[in-house]
Amino acid sequence: MSSQYKLENNAEEMRHQSKVKLTDLLSRINEEKKIERNRNLALSVAAVSAVTVFGIILTL
């Protein structure tokens, strides 16, 4: 009897813990998009800088 109570209690706790708020997910996705956009921008700037420096070196 007590093991059945523990099982039911555990199942109830899992149901409460598995709830996810949609607003939290959306805000997390938006934050990840901002981070990815910043990384892409930094990579693009680094690539353009490297090409520019290489071009300047070639012209000398």
Protein backbone atom coordinates (compact mmCIF):
# COMPACT_ATOMS: atom_id res chain seq x y z
CA MET A 1 0.00 0.00 0.00
CA SER A 2 2.76 2.48 0.89
CA SER A 3 4.70 1.69 -2.31
CA GLN A 4 1.60 2.49 -4.35
CA TYR A 5 1.29 5.81 -2.51
CA LYS A 6 4.94 6.62 -3.25
CA LEU A 7 4.44 5.77 -6.92
CA GLU A 8 1.37 7.98 -7.20
CA ASN A 9 3.12 10.78 -5.31
CA ASN A 10 6.15 10.49 -7.61
CA ALA A 11 3.96 10.58 -10.72
CA GLU A 12 2.20 13.69 -9.42
CA GLU A 13 5.54 15.42 -8.76
CA MET A 14 6.76 14.56 -12.24
CA ARG A 15 3.64 16.06 -13.78
CA HIS A 16 4.23 19.32 -11.92
CA GLN A 17 7.92 19.42 -12.86
CA SER A 18 7.34 18.67 -16.54
CA LYS A 19 5.24 21.76 -17.15
CA VAL A 20 7.04 24.29 -19.33
CA LYS A 21 6.00 27.87 -19.80
CA LEU A 22 5.79 28.92 -23.42
CA THR A 23 6.95 32.44 -22.62
CA ASP A 24 10.13 31.05 -21.05
CA LEU A 25 10.84 28.99 -24.14
CA LEU A 26 10.24 31.92 -26.47
CA SER A 27 12.47 34.23 -24.45
CA ARG A 28 15.22 31.59 -24.42
CA ILE A 29 14.93 31.19 -28.21
CA ASN A 30 15.13 34.96 -28.68
CA GLU A 31 18.23 35.17 -26.48
CA GLU A 32 19.90 32.37 -28.44
CA LYS A 33 19.07 34.16 -31.72
CA LYS A 34 20.71 37.36 -30.42
CA ILE A 35 23.81 35.44 -29.37
CA GLU A 36 24.00 33.65 -32.73
CA ARG A 37 23.54 36.95 -34.60
CA ASN A 38 26.39 38.52 -32.59
CA ARG A 39 28.65 35.53 -33.28
CA ASN A 40 27.91 35.70 -36.99
CA LEU A 41 28.61 39.43 -37.03
CA ALA A 42 31.93 38.94 -35.23
CA LEU A 43 32.91 36.16 -37.63
CA SER A 44 32.01 38.30 -40.63
CA VAL A 45 34.02 41.24 -39.33
CA ALA A 46 37.00 38.96 -38.70
CA ALA A 47 36.78 37.50 -42.22
CA VAL A 48 36.52 40.93 -43.87
CA SER A 49 39.44 42.19 -41.77
CA ALA A 50 41.57 39.21 -42.73
CA VAL A 51 40.82 39.71 -46.44
CA THR A 52 41.59 43.42 -46.15
CA VAL A 53 44.90 42.83 -44.39
CA PHE A 54 45.84 40.16 -46.91
CA GLY A 55 44.98 42.53 -49.77
CA ILE A 56 47.06 45.32 -48.26
CA ILE A 57 50.01 42.96 -47.83
CA LEU A 58 49.74 41.85 -51.46
CA THR A 59 49.75 45.43 -52.75
CA LEU A 60 52.98 46.29 -50.94
